[in-house]
Amino acid sequence: MVKVGKLSMAHVHAGGYVRQIKENPNAELVAIWDEIPERGKPAADEQGVPFYADLDEFLAVDGLQAVACDATTNIHHDVILRSIRAGKHVFTEKALSVTTKESDEIVAAVHEAGIKFMISLPSRCSPEILLLRKVLDEGLIGEVTLMRARIAHSAALDGWFSGHTLWFADPVAAGGGALFDLGCHTVDVMRWLMGKPTSVIAKMNSFTGKYPDVDDNAVAVVEFESKALGILDVAWVHRAGPNPIEIYGTKGFVGIRGIDGRPFLMSQDAQYAGLGGQMVVQSLPQALPGPMQQWIDAIETDAPTTITVEDGRNLTELLEGIYRSSGEGRSIDFPLS
């Protein structure tokens, strides 16, 4: 039984991770810490566990083995490093940190301590994303020339953030707006599928003015070492329509989450010749266990994980480059200097 403590209830998904811990037969929630007592103590009372306002006292809780971090992104670096130095296994909400320098320090600390680390990038576990990985790994669409990905919802249109969640609209606490938080999902998937970036150019703004200090509408164009291009668009001003991912190659196309919602493949590969070179994909790869389950299993049985601390670091690097590009009005080269 892994004894887990909750590092803050700041993130909108914090309650969901509490449920995942409590529903896992191999995990037990034993304490909650929060940088804002008025936010953390009610959650601790509801769950029937002690609340701590002092992080050192929290990390010294008897039997505490692991922590799940949902703090504001700007303090991830501090609370994660303090947890690792206290010998705790760490699960964290994305993004890993605000800057690549901070992420590099976390990567080094994870390896030095030998703890089990997990960043919550659940798209990596979904059958549709695993299909894209399989298609590329098998070369079914040839050399990739372009990937286009959108993720969006109506947070700015409908004013989702207020009170204890208003920090999502604070560029210091959150690192950025729509693209930095919501965009993590597609930015990570693009980085995973396309490899190392060489440059990026981006444009973003506050279309609604609802949260004027951060972006609610953003686009970035990334060039990768392969010379393929990636187009990312992320918004909090999305009222209707799909959130598709499309990948084009020299021998075909694969796409998910289009208008009809069905994964679609076009390929010149010989196995598809009898199908006219195109098909609606009927059979998807099996879903992987989610990030929380993988993390608990790794702690309990030393099971391998499919998401690494380096993945979190690579995500932060691409996010930082995108925001630098928009802020400075120019193309940014990788690696960042």
C-alpha atoms as a PDB file:
ATOM      1  CA  MET A   1       0.000   0.000   0.000  1.00  0.00           C
ATOM      2  CA  VAL A   2       1.612   3.250  -1.188  1.00  0.00           C
ATOM      3  CA  LYS A   3       1.027   6.095   1.263  1.00  0.00           C
ATOM      4  CA  VAL A   4       0.476   9.249  -0.802  1.00  0.00           C
ATOM      5  CA  GLY A   5       0.290  12.887   0.272  1.00  0.00           C
ATOM      6  CA  LYS A   6      -1.362  15.585  -1.820  1.00  0.00           C
ATOM      7  CA  LEU A   7       0.789  18.587  -2.682  1.00  0.00           C
ATOM      8  CA  SER A   8      -1.794  21.379  -3.035  1.00  0.00           C
ATOM      9  CA  MET A   9      -5.352  21.500  -4.357  1.00  0.00           C
ATOM     10  CA  ALA A  10      -4.655  24.433  -6.684  1.00  0.00           C
ATOM     11  CA  HIS A  11      -5.204  22.717 -10.023  1.00  0.00           C
ATOM     12  CA  VAL A  12      -8.703  22.069 -11.374  1.00  0.00           C
ATOM     13  CA  HIS A  13      -7.808  18.371 -11.689  1.00  0.00           C
ATOM     14  CA  ALA A  14      -6.648  18.047  -8.066  1.00  0.00           C
ATOM     15  CA  GLY A  15      -9.931  16.530  -6.932  1.00  0.00           C
ATOM     16  CA  GLY A  16      -9.755  13.977  -9.721  1.00  0.00           C
ATOM     17  CA  TYR A  17      -6.307  12.840  -8.624  1.00  0.00           C
ATOM     18  CA  VAL A  18      -7.529  12.528  -5.042  1.00  0.00           C
ATOM     19  CA  ARG A  19     -10.247  10.202  -6.335  1.00  0.00           C
ATOM     20  CA  GLN A  20      -7.742   8.175  -8.346  1.00  0.00           C
ATOM     21  CA  ILE A  21      -5.544   7.721  -5.270  1.00  0.00           C
ATOM     22  CA  LYS A  22      -8.474   6.708  -3.081  1.00  0.00           C
ATOM     23  CA  GLU A  23      -9.913   4.322  -5.681  1.00  0.00           C
ATOM     24  CA  ASN A  24      -6.584   2.557  -6.230  1.00  0.00           C
ATOM     25  CA  PRO A  25      -6.442  -0.570  -4.050  1.00  0.00           C
ATOM     26  CA  ASN A  26      -2.674  -0.175  -3.756  1.00  0.00           C
ATOM     27  CA  ALA A  27      -2.677   3.464  -2.602  1.00  0.00           C
ATOM     28  CA  GLU A  28      -3.782   5.409   0.463  1.00  0.00           C
ATOM     29  CA  LEU A  29      -4.202   9.172   0.827  1.00  0.00           C
ATOM     30  CA  VAL A  30      -2.619  10.131   4.158  1.00  0.00           C
ATOM     31  CA  ALA A  31      -2.248  13.941   4.178  1.00  0.00           C
ATOM     32  CA  ILE A  32      -2.793  17.180   2.249  1.00  0.00           C
ATOM     33  CA  TRP A  33      -0.539  20.237   2.118  1.00  0.00           C
ATOM     34  CA  ASP A  34      -1.519  23.500   0.464  1.00  0.00           C
ATOM     35  CA  GLU A  35       0.184  26.861   0.108  1.00  0.00           C
ATOM     36  CA  ILE A  36      -3.270  28.402   0.733  1.00  0.00           C
ATOM     37  CA  PRO A  37      -4.807  26.855   3.881  1.00  0.00           C
ATOM     38  CA  GLU A  38      -8.292  28.092   2.982  1.00  0.00           C
ATOM     39  CA  ARG A  39      -8.118  25.927  -0.134  1.00  0.00           C
ATOM     40  CA  GLY A  40      -6.389  22.862   1.250  1.00  0.00           C
ATOM     41  CA  LYS A  41      -7.945  22.391   4.672  1.00  0.00           C
ATOM     42  CA  PRO A  42     -11.543  21.914   3.437  1.00  0.00           C
ATOM     43  CA  ALA A  43     -10.281  19.191   1.080  1.00  0.00           C
ATOM     44  CA  ALA A  44      -8.401  17.497   3.918  1.00  0.00           C
ATOM     45  CA  ASP A  45     -11.459  17.665   6.163  1.00  0.00           C
ATOM     46  CA  GLU A  46     -13.612  16.194   3.392  1.00  0.00           C
ATOM     47  CA  GLN A  47     -11.185  13.309   2.894  1.00  0.00           C
ATOM     48  CA  GLY A  48     -10.647  12.749   6.618  1.00  0.00           C
ATOM     49  CA  VAL A  49      -6.873  13.250   6.504  1.00  0.00           C
ATOM     50  CA  PRO A  50      -4.600  15.743   8.297  1.00  0.00           C
ATOM     51  CA  PHE A  51      -3.899  19.124   6.729  1.00  0.00           C
ATOM     52  CA  TYR A  52      -0.475  20.753   6.827  1.00  0.00           C
ATOM     53  CA  ALA A  53       0.371  24.371   6.096  1.00  0.00           C
ATOM     54  CA  ASP A  54       4.095  23.719   6.632  1.00  0.00           C
ATOM     55  CA  LEU A  55       5.724  21.755   3.815  1.00  0.00           C
ATOM     56  CA  ASP A  56       8.535  20.347   5.958  1.00  0.00           C
ATOM     57  CA  GLU A  57       6.020  18.987   8.474  1.00  0.00           C
ATOM     58  CA  PHE A  58       4.011  17.468   5.638  1.00  0.00           C
ATOM     59  CA  LEU A  59       7.062  15.761   4.129  1.00  0.00           C
ATOM     60  CA  ALA A  60       7.924  14.358   7.570  1.00  0.00           C
ATOM     61  CA  VAL A  61       4.543  12.615   8.005  1.00  0.00           C
ATOM     62  CA  ASP A  62       5.160   9.121   9.345  1.00  0.00           C
ATOM     63  CA  GLY A  63       5.148   6.541   6.548  1.00  0.00           C
ATOM     64  CA  LEU A  64       4.673   9.068   3.720  1.00  0.00           C
ATOM     65  CA  GLN A  65       6.226   7.523   0.596  1.00  0.00           C
ATOM     66  CA  ALA A  66       4.963   9.595  -2.311  1.00  0.00           C
ATOM     67  CA  VAL A  67       3.449  12.953  -3.218  1.00  0.00           C
ATOM     68  CA  ALA A  68       1.036  14.057  -5.949  1.00  0.00           C
ATOM     69  CA  CYS A  69       1.629  17.673  -6.956  1.00  0.00           C
ATOM     70  CA  ASP A  70      -1.168  19.979  -8.094  1.00  0.00           C
ATOM     71  CA  ALA A  71       0.409  23.253  -7.004  1.00  0.00           C
ATOM     72  CA  THR A  72       0.519  26.356  -9.191  1.00  0.00           C
ATOM     73  CA  THR A  73       3.078  25.779 -11.934  1.00  0.00           C
ATOM     74  CA  ASN A  74       5.491  28.470 -10.753  1.00  0.00           C
ATOM     75  CA  ILE A  75       6.177  26.612  -7.484  1.00  0.00           C
ATOM     76  CA  HIS A  76       6.485  23.118  -9.001  1.00  0.00           C
ATOM     77  CA  HIS A  77      10.272  23.468  -9.084  1.00  0.00           C
ATOM     78  CA  ASP A  78      10.518  24.245  -5.368  1.00  0.00           C
ATOM     79  CA  VAL A  79       8.000  21.755  -3.972  1.00  0.00           C
ATOM     80  CA  ILE A  80       9.060  18.919  -6.278  1.00  0.00           C
ATOM     81  CA  LEU A  81      12.756  19.336  -5.472  1.00  0.00           C
ATOM     82  CA  ARG A  82      12.033  19.502  -1.738  1.00  0.00           C
ATOM     83  CA  SER A  83       9.944  16.343  -2.024  1.00  0.00           C
ATOM     84  CA  ILE A  84      12.643  14.489  -3.966  1.00  0.00           C
ATOM     85  CA  ARG A  85      15.293  15.525  -1.426  1.00  0.00           C
ATOM     86  CA  ALA A  86      13.021  14.152   1.283  1.00  0.00           C
ATOM     87  CA  GLY A  87      13.083  10.806  -0.527  1.00  0.00           C
ATOM     88  CA  LYS A  88       9.525  10.876  -1.851  1.00  0.00           C
ATOM     89  CA  HIS A  89       8.283   9.481  -5.148  1.00  0.00           C
ATOM     90  CA  VAL A  90       6.648  12.249  -7.208  1.00  0.00           C
ATOM     91  CA  PHE A  91       3.599  12.522  -9.449  1.00  0.00           C
ATOM     92  CA  THR A  92       2.917  15.947 -10.924  1.00  0.00           C
ATOM     93  CA  GLU A  93       0.346  17.718 -13.014  1.00  0.00           C
ATOM     94  CA  LYS A  94       1.692  19.240 -16.233  1.00  0.00           C
ATOM     95  CA  ALA A  95       3.568  21.394 -17.037  1.00  0.00           C
ATOM     96  CA  LEU A  96       6.673  20.179 -15.225  1.00  0.00           C
ATOM     97  CA  SER A  97       7.881  23.728 -14.592  1.00  0.00           C
ATOM     98  CA  VAL A  98       7.808  27.190 -16.143  1.00  0.00           C
ATOM     99  CA  THR A  99      11.382  27.179 -17.509  1.00  0.00           C
ATOM    100  CA  THR A 100      13.667  24.617 -19.112  1.00  0.00           C
ATOM    101  CA  LYS A 101      16.404  25.438 -16.602  1.00  0.00           C
ATOM    102  CA  GLU A 102      14.064  24.461 -13.755  1.00  0.00           C
ATOM    103  CA  SER A 103      13.056  21.284 -15.575  1.00  0.00           C
ATOM    104  CA  ASP A 104      16.698  20.298 -16.116  1.00  0.00           C
ATOM    105  CA  GLU A 105      17.282  20.616 -12.366  1.00  0.00           C
ATOM    106  CA  ILE A 106      14.280  18.378 -11.652  1.00  0.00           C
ATOM    107  CA  VAL A 107      15.516  15.776 -14.167  1.00  0.00           C
ATOM    108  CA  ALA A 108      18.924  15.693 -12.485  1.00  0.00           C
ATOM    109  CA  ALA A 109      17.372  15.388  -9.018  1.00  0.00           C
ATOM    110  CA  VAL A 110      15.093  12.522 -10.096  1.00  0.00           C
ATOM    111  CA  HIS A 111      18.015  10.508 -11.436  1.00  0.00           C
ATOM    112  CA  GLU A 112      20.274  11.276  -8.505  1.00  0.00           C
ATOM    113  CA  ALA A 113      17.626  10.200  -5.976  1.00  0.00           C
ATOM    114  CA  GLY A 114      16.378   7.195  -7.960  1.00  0.00           C
ATOM    115  CA  ILE A 115      12.752   7.916  -7.105  1.00  0.00           C
ATOM    116  CA  LYS A 116       9.731   6.970  -9.236  1.00  0.00           C
ATOM    117  CA  PHE A 117       8.548  10.007 -11.165  1.00  0.00           C
ATOM    118  CA  MET A 118       5.467  10.581 -13.295  1.00  0.00           C
ATOM    119  CA  ILE A 119       4.085  13.629 -15.092  1.00  0.00           C
ATOM    120  CA  SER A 120       0.416  13.511 -16.032  1.00  0.00           C
ATOM    121  CA  LEU A 121       0.316  13.358 -19.825  1.00  0.00           C
ATOM    122  CA  PRO A 122      -2.697  11.061 -20.266  1.00  0.00           C
ATOM    123  CA  SER A 123      -2.952  11.550 -24.030  1.00  0.00           C
ATOM    124  CA  ARG A 124       0.092   9.261 -24.303  1.00  0.00           C
ATOM    125  CA  CYS A 125      -2.083   6.411 -23.016  1.00  0.00           C
ATOM    126  CA  SER A 126      -5.098   6.830 -25.323  1.00  0.00           C
ATOM    127  CA  PRO A 127      -5.778   4.350 -28.156  1.00  0.00           C
ATOM    128  CA  GLU A 128      -6.069   7.139 -30.750  1.00  0.00           C
ATOM    129  CA  ILE A 129      -2.686   8.669 -29.932  1.00  0.00           C
ATOM    130  CA  LEU A 130      -1.133   5.210 -29.771  1.00  0.00           C
ATOM    131  CA  LEU A 131      -2.524   4.626 -33.285  1.00  0.00           C
ATOM    132  CA  LEU A 132      -0.627   7.675 -34.538  1.00  0.00           C
ATOM    133  CA  ARG A 133       2.547   6.385 -32.899  1.00  0.00           C
ATOM    134  CA  LYS A 134       2.046   2.949 -34.512  1.00  0.00           C
ATOM    135  CA  VAL A 135       1.400   4.402 -37.976  1.00  0.00           C
ATOM    136  CA  LEU A 136       4.573   6.482 -37.811  1.00  0.00           C
ATOM    137  CA  ASP A 137       6.686   3.690 -36.326  1.00  0.00           C
ATOM    138  CA  GLU A 138       5.607   1.335 -39.127  1.00  0.00           C
ATOM    139  CA  GLY A 139       6.246   3.935 -41.830  1.00  0.00           C
ATOM    140  CA  LEU A 140       2.716   3.609 -43.205  1.00  0.00           C
ATOM    141  CA  ILE A 141       2.587   7.213 -44.415  1.00  0.00           C
ATOM    142  CA  GLY A 142       6.244   7.493 -45.402  1.00  0.00           C
ATOM    143  CA  GLU A 143       8.304  10.448 -44.229  1.00  0.00           C
ATOM    144  CA  VAL A 144       6.226  12.903 -42.221  1.00  0.00           C
ATOM    145  CA  THR A 145       6.006  16.339 -43.814  1.00  0.00           C
ATOM    146  CA  LEU A 146       3.468  18.093 -41.588  1.00  0.00           C
ATOM    147  CA  MET A 147       1.473  17.611 -38.397  1.00  0.00           C
ATOM    148  CA  ARG A 148      -1.442  19.845 -37.468  1.00  0.00           C
ATOM    149  CA  ALA A 149      -3.064  19.696 -34.016  1.00  0.00           C
ATOM    150  CA  ARG A 150      -5.793  21.691 -32.305  1.00  0.00           C
ATOM    151  CA  ILE A 151      -7.023  21.630 -28.735  1.00  0.00           C
ATOM    152  CA  ALA A 152      -9.543  24.147 -27.470  1.00  0.00           C
ATOM    153  CA  HIS A 153     -12.502  24.777 -25.192  1.00  0.00           C
ATOM    154  CA  SER A 154     -14.644  27.702 -24.019  1.00  0.00           C
ATOM    155  CA  ALA A 155     -12.867  28.742 -20.791  1.00  0.00           C
ATOM    156  CA  ALA A 156     -12.529  32.413 -21.781  1.00  0.00           C
ATOM    157  CA  LEU A 157     -15.920  32.630 -23.461  1.00  0.00           C
ATOM    158  CA  ASP A 158     -17.619  31.272 -20.351  1.00  0.00           C
ATOM    159  CA  GLY A 159     -15.323  32.665 -17.647  1.00  0.00           C
ATOM    160  CA  TRP A 160     -14.336  29.336 -16.115  1.00  0.00           C
ATOM    161  CA  PHE A 161     -11.656  30.699 -13.778  1.00  0.00           C
ATOM    162  CA  SER A 162     -12.371  32.579 -10.551  1.00  0.00           C
ATOM    163  CA  GLY A 163     -11.538  32.382  -6.865  1.00  0.00           C
ATOM    164  CA  HIS A 164      -8.954  29.683  -6.200  1.00  0.00           C
ATOM    165  CA  THR A 165      -8.665  28.854  -9.921  1.00  0.00           C
ATOM    166  CA  LEU A 166      -8.046  32.427 -11.075  1.00  0.00           C
ATOM    167  CA  TRP A 167      -4.302  31.675 -11.031  1.00  0.00           C
ATOM    168  CA  PHE A 168      -4.780  29.998 -14.436  1.00  0.00           C
ATOM    169  CA  ALA A 169      -5.031  33.539 -15.814  1.00  0.00           C
ATOM    170  CA  ASP A 170      -1.913  34.770 -13.977  1.00  0.00           C
ATOM    171  CA  PRO A 171       1.137  34.551 -16.258  1.00  0.00           C
ATOM    172  CA  VAL A 172       3.497  34.348 -13.272  1.00  0.00           C
ATOM    173  CA  ALA A 173       1.671  31.543 -11.444  1.00  0.00           C
ATOM    174  CA  ALA A 174       0.637  29.578 -14.548  1.00  0.00           C
ATOM    175  CA  GLY A 175       3.492  30.335 -16.951  1.00  0.00           C
ATOM    176  CA  GLY A 176       1.033  31.393 -19.649  1.00  0.00           C
ATOM    177  CA  GLY A 177      -2.569  30.989 -20.684  1.00  0.00           C
ATOM    178  CA  ALA A 178      -4.412  28.606 -22.985  1.00  0.00           C
ATOM    179  CA  LEU A 179      -1.350  27.287 -24.751  1.00  0.00           C
ATOM    180  CA  PHE A 180       0.707  26.735 -21.592  1.00  0.00           C
ATOM    181  CA  ASP A 181      -1.947  24.748 -19.741  1.00  0.00           C
ATOM    182  CA  LEU A 182      -4.481  23.258 -22.132  1.00  0.00           C
ATOM    183  CA  GLY A 183      -1.957  23.187 -24.954  1.00  0.00           C
ATOM    184  CA  CYS A 184       0.339  20.887 -22.978  1.00  0.00           C
ATOM    185  CA  HIS A 185      -1.612  17.909 -24.301  1.00  0.00           C
ATOM    186  CA  THR A 186      -1.032  18.541 -28.009  1.00  0.00           C
ATOM    187  CA  VAL A 187       2.371  20.196 -27.577  1.00  0.00           C
ATOM    188  CA  ASP A 188       3.560  17.041 -25.813  1.00  0.00           C
ATOM    189  CA  VAL A 189       2.017  14.710 -28.400  1.00  0.00           C
ATOM    190  CA  MET A 190       3.603  16.684 -31.231  1.00  0.00           C
ATOM    191  CA  ARG A 191       7.009  16.662 -29.530  1.00  0.00           C
ATOM    192  CA  TRP A 192       6.699  12.900 -28.891  1.00  0.00           C
ATOM    193  CA  LEU A 193       5.680  12.033 -32.449  1.00  0.00           C
ATOM    194  CA  MET A 194       7.856  14.508 -34.354  1.00  0.00           C
ATOM    195  CA  GLY A 195      11.116  14.492 -32.415  1.00  0.00           C
ATOM    196  CA  LYS A 196      13.456  17.362 -31.575  1.00  0.00           C
ATOM    197  CA  PRO A 197      12.432  20.881 -32.648  1.00  0.00           C
ATOM    198  CA  THR A 198      14.893  23.221 -34.319  1.00  0.00           C
ATOM    199  CA  SER A 199      12.854  26.445 -34.350  1.00  0.00           C
ATOM    200  CA  VAL A 200       9.425  27.905 -33.631  1.00  0.00           C
ATOM    201  CA  ILE A 201       7.482  31.025 -34.489  1.00  0.00           C
ATOM    202  CA  ALA A 202       4.261  31.877 -32.662  1.00  0.00           C
ATOM    203  CA  LYS A 203       1.493  34.425 -32.304  1.00  0.00           C
ATOM    204  CA  MET A 204      -0.993  34.677 -29.452  1.00  0.00           C
ATOM    205  CA  ASN A 205      -3.388  37.186 -27.931  1.00  0.00           C
ATOM    206  CA  SER A 206      -6.295  37.667 -25.542  1.00  0.00           C
ATOM    207  CA  PHE A 207      -9.165  37.603 -28.015  1.00  0.00           C
ATOM    208  CA  THR A 208     -11.930  38.049 -25.423  1.00  0.00           C
ATOM    209  CA  GLY A 209     -10.074  40.250 -22.939  1.00  0.00           C
ATOM    210  CA  LYS A 210     -11.680  38.164 -20.197  1.00  0.00           C
ATOM    211  CA  TYR A 211      -8.245  37.199 -18.887  1.00  0.00           C
ATOM    212  CA  PRO A 212      -6.193  40.015 -20.437  1.00  0.00           C
ATOM    213  CA  ASP A 213      -2.782  39.045 -19.048  1.00  0.00           C
ATOM    214  CA  VAL A 214      -2.650  35.647 -20.765  1.00  0.00           C
ATOM    215  CA  ASP A 215      -3.384  34.162 -24.164  1.00  0.00           C
ATOM    216  CA  ASP A 216      -6.790  32.701 -24.981  1.00  0.00           C
ATOM    217  CA  ASN A 217      -6.058  32.260 -28.707  1.00  0.00           C
ATOM    218  CA  ALA A 218      -2.685  31.024 -29.953  1.00  0.00           C
ATOM    219  CA  VAL A 219      -0.914  29.514 -32.964  1.00  0.00           C
ATOM    220  CA  ALA A 220       2.631  28.182 -33.303  1.00  0.00           C
ATOM    221  CA  VAL A 221       4.582  26.758 -36.233  1.00  0.00           C
ATOM    222  CA  VAL A 222       7.437  24.424 -35.304  1.00  0.00           C
ATOM    223  CA  GLU A 223      10.209  23.089 -37.533  1.00  0.00           C
ATOM    224  CA  PHE A 224      11.760  19.765 -36.514  1.00  0.00           C
ATOM    225  CA  GLU A 225      15.144  18.140 -37.183  1.00  0.00           C
ATOM    226  CA  SER A 226      13.491  16.031 -39.909  1.00  0.00           C
ATOM    227  CA  LYS A 227      12.458  19.301 -41.640  1.00  0.00           C
ATOM    228  CA  ALA A 228       8.808  18.403 -41.048  1.00  0.00           C
ATOM    229  CA  LEU A 229       6.599  21.253 -39.835  1.00  0.00           C
ATOM    230  CA  GLY A 230       4.101  21.255 -37.001  1.00  0.00           C
ATOM    231  CA  ILE A 231       1.134  23.603 -36.664  1.00  0.00           C
ATOM    232  CA  LEU A 232      -0.332  23.991 -33.172  1.00  0.00           C
ATOM    233  CA  ASP A 233      -3.440  25.986 -32.361  1.00  0.00           C
ATOM    234  CA  VAL A 234      -4.858  26.307 -28.876  1.00  0.00           C
ATOM    235  CA  ALA A 235      -7.784  28.365 -27.643  1.00  0.00           C
ATOM    236  CA  TRP A 236     -10.119  29.129 -24.769  1.00  0.00           C
ATOM    237  CA  VAL A 237     -12.532  30.649 -27.329  1.00  0.00           C
ATOM    238  CA  HIS A 238     -13.805  27.412 -28.884  1.00  0.00           C
ATOM    239  CA  ARG A 239     -17.603  27.163 -28.972  1.00  0.00           C
ATOM    240  CA  ALA A 240     -18.044  24.279 -31.410  1.00  0.00           C
ATOM    241  CA  GLY A 241     -16.137  21.995 -33.742  1.00  0.00           C
ATOM    242  CA  PRO A 242     -13.589  19.190 -33.483  1.00  0.00           C
ATOM    243  CA  ASN A 243     -10.123  19.105 -31.954  1.00  0.00           C
ATOM    244  CA  PRO A 244      -8.381  17.148 -34.728  1.00  0.00           C
ATOM    245  CA  ILE A 245      -4.857  15.876 -35.155  1.00  0.00           C
ATOM    246  CA  GLU A 246      -3.721  15.391 -38.760  1.00  0.00           C
ATOM    247  CA  ILE A 247      -0.394  13.988 -39.938  1.00  0.00           C
ATOM    248  CA  TYR A 248       0.686  14.098 -43.593  1.00  0.00           C
ATOM    249  CA  GLY A 249       3.514  12.078 -45.126  1.00  0.00           C
ATOM    250  CA  THR A 250       5.126  11.307 -48.440  1.00  0.00           C
ATOM    251  CA  LYS A 251       3.015   8.111 -48.764  1.00  0.00           C
ATOM    252  CA  GLY A 252      -0.230   8.970 -47.034  1.00  0.00           C
ATOM    253  CA  PHE A 253      -2.194  10.572 -44.224  1.00  0.00           C
ATOM    254  CA  VAL A 254      -3.516   9.667 -40.795  1.00  0.00           C
ATOM    255  CA  GLY A 255      -5.956  11.692 -38.761  1.00  0.00           C
ATOM    256  CA  ILE A 256      -8.043  11.492 -35.594  1.00  0.00           C
ATOM    257  CA  ARG A 257     -10.825  13.509 -33.975  1.00  0.00           C
ATOM    258  CA  GLY A 258     -12.144  14.956 -37.208  1.00  0.00           C
ATOM    259  CA  ILE A 259     -15.706  16.004 -37.965  1.00  0.00           C
ATOM    260  CA  ASP A 260     -17.052  12.434 -37.941  1.00  0.00           C
ATOM    261  CA  GLY A 261     -14.817  11.421 -35.031  1.00  0.00           C
ATOM    262  CA  ARG A 262     -13.442   8.300 -36.726  1.00  0.00           C
ATOM    263  CA  PRO A 263      -9.681   7.695 -37.139  1.00  0.00           C
ATOM    264  CA  PHE A 264      -8.802   7.698 -40.836  1.00  0.00           C
ATOM    265  CA  LEU A 265      -5.763   6.353 -42.694  1.00  0.00           C
ATOM    266  CA  MET A 266      -4.655   6.787 -46.302  1.00  0.00           C
ATOM    267  CA  SER A 267      -1.564   4.798 -47.250  1.00  0.00           C
ATOM    268  CA  GLN A 268       0.333   3.560 -50.291  1.00  0.00           C
ATOM    269  CA  ASP A 269       1.615   0.654 -48.203  1.00  0.00           C
ATOM    270  CA  ALA A 270       1.050  -2.690 -49.936  1.00  0.00           C
ATOM    271  CA  GLN A 271      -1.211  -4.060 -47.188  1.00  0.00           C
ATOM    272  CA  TYR A 272      -3.778  -1.375 -48.013  1.00  0.00           C
ATOM    273  CA  ALA A 273      -3.684  -1.732 -51.816  1.00  0.00           C
ATOM    274  CA  GLY A 274      -6.847  -3.830 -51.858  1.00  0.00           C
ATOM    275  CA  LEU A 275      -8.683  -1.159 -49.878  1.00  0.00           C
ATOM    276  CA  GLY A 276      -8.101   1.545 -52.426  1.00  0.00           C
ATOM    277  CA  GLY A 277      -5.339   2.952 -50.229  1.00  0.00           C
ATOM    278  CA  GLN A 278      -7.694   4.404 -47.626  1.00  0.00           C
ATOM    279  CA  MET A 279      -9.719   3.170 -44.700  1.00  0.00           C
ATOM    280  CA  VAL A 280     -11.585   4.180 -41.586  1.00  0.00           C
ATOM    281  CA  VAL A 281      -9.583   2.556 -38.800  1.00  0.00           C
ATOM    282  CA  GLN A 282     -11.797   0.051 -37.003  1.00  0.00           C
ATOM    283  CA  SER A 283      -9.295  -1.462 -34.588  1.00  0.00           C
ATOM    284  CA  LEU A 284      -7.236   0.766 -32.297  1.00  0.00           C
ATOM    285  CA  PRO A 285      -4.303  -0.199 -30.084  1.00  0.00           C
ATOM    286  CA  GLN A 286      -5.186  -1.096 -26.527  1.00  0.00           C
ATOM    287  CA  ALA A 287      -5.175   1.788 -24.059  1.00  0.00           C
ATOM    288  CA  LEU A 288      -2.296   1.899 -21.610  1.00  0.00           C
ATOM    289  CA  PRO A 289      -2.814   2.315 -17.873  1.00  0.00           C
ATOM    290  CA  GLY A 290      -3.175   5.990 -17.004  1.00  0.00           C
ATOM    291  CA  PRO A 291      -0.296   8.010 -15.536  1.00  0.00           C
ATOM    292  CA  MET A 292      -1.461   7.654 -11.917  1.00  0.00           C
ATOM    293  CA  GLN A 293      -1.846   3.866 -12.268  1.00  0.00           C
ATOM    294  CA  GLN A 294       1.561   3.555 -13.933  1.00  0.00           C
ATOM    295  CA  TRP A 295       3.152   5.559 -11.113  1.00  0.00           C
ATOM    296  CA  ILE A 296       1.583   3.515  -8.311  1.00  0.00           C
ATOM    297  CA  ASP A 297       2.549   0.281 -10.100  1.00  0.00           C
ATOM    298  CA  ALA A 298       6.132   1.516 -10.497  1.00  0.00           C
ATOM    299  CA  ILE A 299       6.386   2.243  -6.783  1.00  0.00           C
ATOM    300  CA  GLU A 300       4.734  -1.036  -5.774  1.00  0.00           C
ATOM    301  CA  THR A 301       6.353  -3.483  -8.182  1.00  0.00           C
ATOM    302  CA  ASP A 302       9.066  -1.530 -10.045  1.00  0.00           C
ATOM    303  CA  ALA A 303       6.908  -1.795 -13.190  1.00  0.00           C
ATOM    304  CA  PRO A 304       8.186   0.253 -16.154  1.00  0.00           C
ATOM    305  CA  THR A 305       6.498   3.515 -17.089  1.00  0.00           C
ATOM    306  CA  THR A 306       5.849   4.850 -20.586  1.00  0.00           C
ATOM    307  CA  ILE A 307       6.141   8.546 -19.607  1.00  0.00           C
ATOM    308  CA  THR A 308       9.408   9.941 -18.256  1.00  0.00           C
ATOM    309  CA  VAL A 309      10.682  13.021 -16.488  1.00  0.00           C
ATOM    310  CA  GLU A 310      12.576  13.819 -19.716  1.00  0.00           C
ATOM    311  CA  ASP A 311       9.216  13.961 -21.519  1.00  0.00           C
ATOM    312  CA  GLY A 312       8.154  16.639 -19.045  1.00  0.00           C
ATOM    313  CA  ARG A 313      11.387  18.519 -19.626  1.00  0.00           C
ATOM    314  CA  ASN A 314      10.978  18.388 -23.427  1.00  0.00           C
ATOM    315  CA  LEU A 315       7.430  19.707 -23.119  1.00  0.00           C
ATOM    316  CA  THR A 316       8.594  22.681 -21.048  1.00  0.00           C
ATOM    317  CA  GLU A 317      11.360  23.473 -23.530  1.00  0.00           C
ATOM    318  CA  LEU A 318       8.928  23.655 -26.445  1.00  0.00           C
ATOM    319  CA  LEU A 319       6.425  25.697 -24.409  1.00  0.00           C
ATOM    320  CA  GLU A 320       9.133  28.144 -23.353  1.00  0.00           C
ATOM    321  CA  GLY A 321      10.273  28.545 -26.949  1.00  0.00           C
ATOM    322  CA  ILE A 322       6.723  29.239 -28.127  1.00  0.00           C
ATOM    323  CA  TYR A 323       6.173  31.938 -25.513  1.00  0.00           C
ATOM    324  CA  ARG A 324       9.541  33.526 -26.184  1.00  0.00           C
ATOM    325  CA  SER A 325       8.691  33.678 -29.892  1.00  0.00           C
ATOM    326  CA  SER A 326       5.366  35.389 -29.318  1.00  0.00           C
ATOM    327  CA  GLY A 327       6.775  37.758 -26.709  1.00  0.00           C
ATOM    328  CA  GLU A 328       9.789  38.764 -28.787  1.00  0.00           C
ATOM    329  CA  GLY A 329       8.024  38.748 -32.156  1.00  0.00           C
ATOM    330  CA  ARG A 330      10.607  36.512 -33.844  1.00  0.00           C
ATOM    331  CA  SER A 331      11.561  32.936 -34.586  1.00  0.00           C
ATOM    332  CA  ILE A 332      13.274  31.119 -31.705  1.00  0.00           C
ATOM    333  CA  ASP A 333      15.905  28.429 -32.239  1.00  0.00           C
ATOM    334  CA  PHE A 334      16.427  25.249 -30.194  1.00  0.00           C
ATOM    335  CA  PRO A 335      18.144  24.350 -28.007  1.00  0.00           C
ATOM    336  CA  LEU A 336      17.227  27.440 -26.032  1.00  0.00           C
ATOM    337  CA  SER A 337      20.070  29.667 -24.896  1.00  0.00           C
END
